[in-house]
Amino acid sequence: MTIDLIRPTDLPAGHRRTVHVDVTIPRPTTLPATYRAAARILAANGLHQGDYFPNALSDIRTPYTSRPLSISAALRCAVEGDPRSYSLLADEALAVLALRLEVDGEGPEYGDIFALESHVDGWADVEGRTTECAVAVLYAAADATAVSL
């Protein structure tokens, strides 16, 4: 990420100029922080339904954090910066979230992480599901896990 900073006396005449500085954004290390980071990604870019993200094969220049993402992809992207990367924290976040959600009145089928991820995506892919709904669920999960820790 690049941030523009302006210093008051960069030039001899006292004029200002823009200086580009690269800042590394810290990755979340807890469940509540993971849910909040994923919620911010979705709020900024939107919820994508049906797949991890749009234009998976044709758009390699747009950073993942600037694309609409599924909830699963947003959680993975928040932790690792790449929605296709797997980590224990992202997997735990998906598992805990899956247990909070119902699809057609049913909870998740217990199995591997892919079944839990499929359940979360099934919830998000319901017709009429909005970005606001997904963001609200992620913030609610963040608040619930913050209390239970």
Protein backbone atom coordinates (compact mmCIF):
# COMPACT_ATOMS: atom_id res chain seq x y z
CA MET A 1 0.00 0.00 0.00
CA THR A 2 1.32 3.46 -0.83
CA ILE A 3 0.54 6.49 1.27
CA ASP A 4 1.30 10.02 0.12
CA LEU A 5 2.95 12.20 2.76
CA ILE A 6 3.63 15.89 2.43
CA ARG A 7 6.58 17.39 4.27
CA PRO A 8 6.64 21.15 4.84
CA THR A 9 10.28 21.79 3.87
CA ASP A 10 11.28 19.24 1.26
CA LEU A 11 12.51 21.88 -1.17
CA PRO A 12 14.94 24.77 -0.51
CA ALA A 13 12.30 27.40 -1.21
CA GLY A 14 9.98 25.78 1.33
CA HIS A 15 7.61 24.36 -1.26
CA ARG A 16 5.92 21.08 -0.55
CA ARG A 17 6.17 17.91 -2.56
CA THR A 18 4.53 14.54 -2.29
CA VAL A 19 6.65 11.67 -1.00
CA HIS A 20 5.51 8.08 -1.55
CA VAL A 21 5.98 5.73 1.37
CA ASP A 22 5.26 2.00 1.34
CA VAL A 23 3.44 0.86 4.47
CA THR A 24 2.92 -2.78 5.33
CA ILE A 25 -0.53 -3.37 6.76
CA PRO A 26 -0.35 -5.80 9.68
CA ARG A 27 -2.25 -9.04 9.23
CA PRO A 28 -4.78 -10.07 11.87
CA THR A 29 -3.68 -12.58 14.50
CA THR A 30 -6.98 -13.22 16.31
CA LEU A 31 -10.44 -14.34 15.26
CA PRO A 32 -12.13 -11.00 16.03
CA ALA A 33 -9.46 -9.11 14.08
CA THR A 34 -9.82 -11.54 11.17
CA TYR A 35 -13.59 -11.06 10.99
CA ARG A 36 -13.25 -7.28 11.17
CA ALA A 37 -10.56 -7.20 8.46
CA ALA A 38 -12.68 -9.39 6.17
CA ALA A 39 -15.71 -7.17 6.85
CA ARG A 40 -13.73 -4.09 5.85
CA ILE A 41 -12.63 -5.78 2.61
CA LEU A 42 -16.22 -6.68 1.75
CA ALA A 43 -17.55 -3.25 2.73
CA ALA A 44 -14.99 -1.58 0.46
CA ASN A 45 -15.36 -3.87 -2.57
CA GLY A 46 -18.62 -5.80 -2.30
CA LEU A 47 -19.75 -9.39 -1.87
CA HIS A 48 -19.17 -11.68 -4.83
CA GLN A 49 -21.55 -14.61 -5.18
CA GLY A 50 -20.93 -17.89 -6.95
CA ASP A 51 -17.14 -18.04 -6.78
CA TYR A 52 -14.20 -16.68 -4.79
CA PHE A 53 -13.86 -13.54 -6.92
CA PRO A 54 -14.72 -12.34 -10.45
CA ASN A 55 -12.42 -12.67 -13.45
CA ALA A 56 -10.21 -15.24 -11.81
CA LEU A 57 -8.31 -16.13 -14.98
CA SER A 58 -8.53 -12.95 -17.04
CA ASP A 59 -7.68 -10.22 -14.53
CA ILE A 60 -4.29 -10.79 -12.96
CA ARG A 61 -3.43 -7.11 -12.41
CA THR A 62 -6.15 -6.11 -9.95
CA PRO A 63 -5.08 -6.86 -6.36
CA TYR A 64 -7.35 -9.25 -4.51
CA THR A 65 -8.02 -6.69 -1.82
CA SER A 66 -9.54 -4.41 -4.48
CA ARG A 67 -11.99 -6.97 -5.89
CA PRO A 68 -15.41 -8.13 -4.75
CA LEU A 69 -14.86 -11.39 -2.84
CA SER A 70 -16.89 -14.18 -1.33
CA ILE A 71 -16.92 -14.37 2.47
CA SER A 72 -14.49 -17.30 2.41
CA ALA A 73 -12.13 -15.45 0.09
CA ALA A 74 -12.36 -12.29 2.19
CA LEU A 75 -11.40 -14.23 5.33
CA ARG A 76 -8.45 -15.87 3.60
CA CYS A 77 -7.40 -12.59 1.98
CA ALA A 78 -7.56 -10.79 5.32
CA VAL A 79 -5.17 -13.30 6.88
CA GLU A 80 -2.79 -14.11 4.02
CA GLY A 81 -3.38 -11.41 1.39
CA ASP A 82 -4.42 -14.07 -1.13
CA PRO A 83 -7.87 -15.68 -1.16
CA ARG A 84 -6.39 -18.94 -2.43
CA SER A 85 -3.96 -19.32 0.49
CA TYR A 86 -4.78 -21.53 3.42
CA SER A 87 -3.85 -20.82 7.02
CA LEU A 88 -4.92 -22.16 10.39
CA LEU A 89 -6.38 -18.80 11.43
CA ALA A 90 -8.49 -18.46 8.27
CA ASP A 91 -9.64 -22.08 8.59
CA GLU A 92 -10.60 -21.52 12.23
CA ALA A 93 -12.49 -18.34 11.28
CA LEU A 94 -14.40 -20.24 8.58
CA ALA A 95 -15.21 -23.10 10.94
CA VAL A 96 -16.49 -20.83 13.72
CA LEU A 97 -18.51 -18.76 11.25
CA ALA A 98 -20.01 -21.88 9.64
CA LEU A 99 -21.34 -22.98 13.03
CA ARG A 100 -23.12 -19.61 13.39
CA LEU A 101 -24.92 -19.77 10.03
CA GLU A 102 -27.94 -21.72 8.83
CA VAL A 103 -28.79 -22.47 5.22
CA ASP A 104 -32.40 -23.57 4.68
CA GLY A 105 -32.75 -24.03 8.43
CA GLU A 106 -29.79 -26.36 8.71
CA GLY A 107 -26.31 -26.00 10.13
CA PRO A 108 -23.15 -27.21 8.44
CA GLU A 109 -22.34 -30.80 7.70
CA TYR A 110 -19.38 -31.80 9.77
CA GLY A 111 -16.42 -32.91 7.78
CA ASP A 112 -13.37 -31.19 6.46
CA ILE A 113 -12.73 -27.47 6.08
CA PHE A 114 -14.06 -27.57 2.52
CA ALA A 115 -17.51 -28.65 3.76
CA LEU A 116 -17.54 -25.79 6.25
CA GLU A 117 -16.36 -23.34 3.60
CA SER A 118 -19.07 -24.61 1.26
CA HIS A 119 -21.65 -23.99 3.98
CA VAL A 120 -20.49 -20.38 4.47
CA ASP A 121 -20.53 -19.84 0.71
CA GLY A 122 -23.98 -21.41 0.53
CA TRP A 123 -25.24 -18.89 3.07
CA ALA A 124 -23.68 -15.99 1.15
CA ASP A 125 -24.97 -17.23 -2.23
CA VAL A 126 -28.64 -17.14 -1.22
CA GLU A 127 -30.55 -14.98 -3.67
CA GLY A 128 -30.96 -11.46 -2.36
CA ARG A 129 -28.03 -11.70 0.07
CA THR A 130 -26.33 -8.32 0.16
CA THR A 131 -22.89 -7.05 1.02
CA GLU A 132 -24.41 -5.35 4.06
CA CYS A 133 -25.73 -8.71 5.34
CA ALA A 134 -22.32 -10.32 4.96
CA VAL A 135 -20.55 -7.42 6.66
CA ALA A 136 -23.05 -7.47 9.53
CA VAL A 137 -22.54 -11.22 10.05
CA LEU A 138 -18.76 -10.78 10.11
CA TYR A 139 -18.94 -7.95 12.64
CA ALA A 140 -21.36 -9.99 14.78
CA ALA A 141 -18.96 -12.93 14.65
CA ALA A 142 -16.10 -10.61 15.65
CA ASP A 143 -18.06 -9.33 18.63
CA ALA A 144 -19.13 -12.83 19.70
CA THR A 145 -15.63 -14.28 19.49
CA ALA A 146 -14.15 -11.27 21.29
CA VAL A 147 -16.48 -11.94 24.23
CA SER A 148 -15.85 -15.67 24.29
CA LEU A 149 -12.05 -15.44 24.23
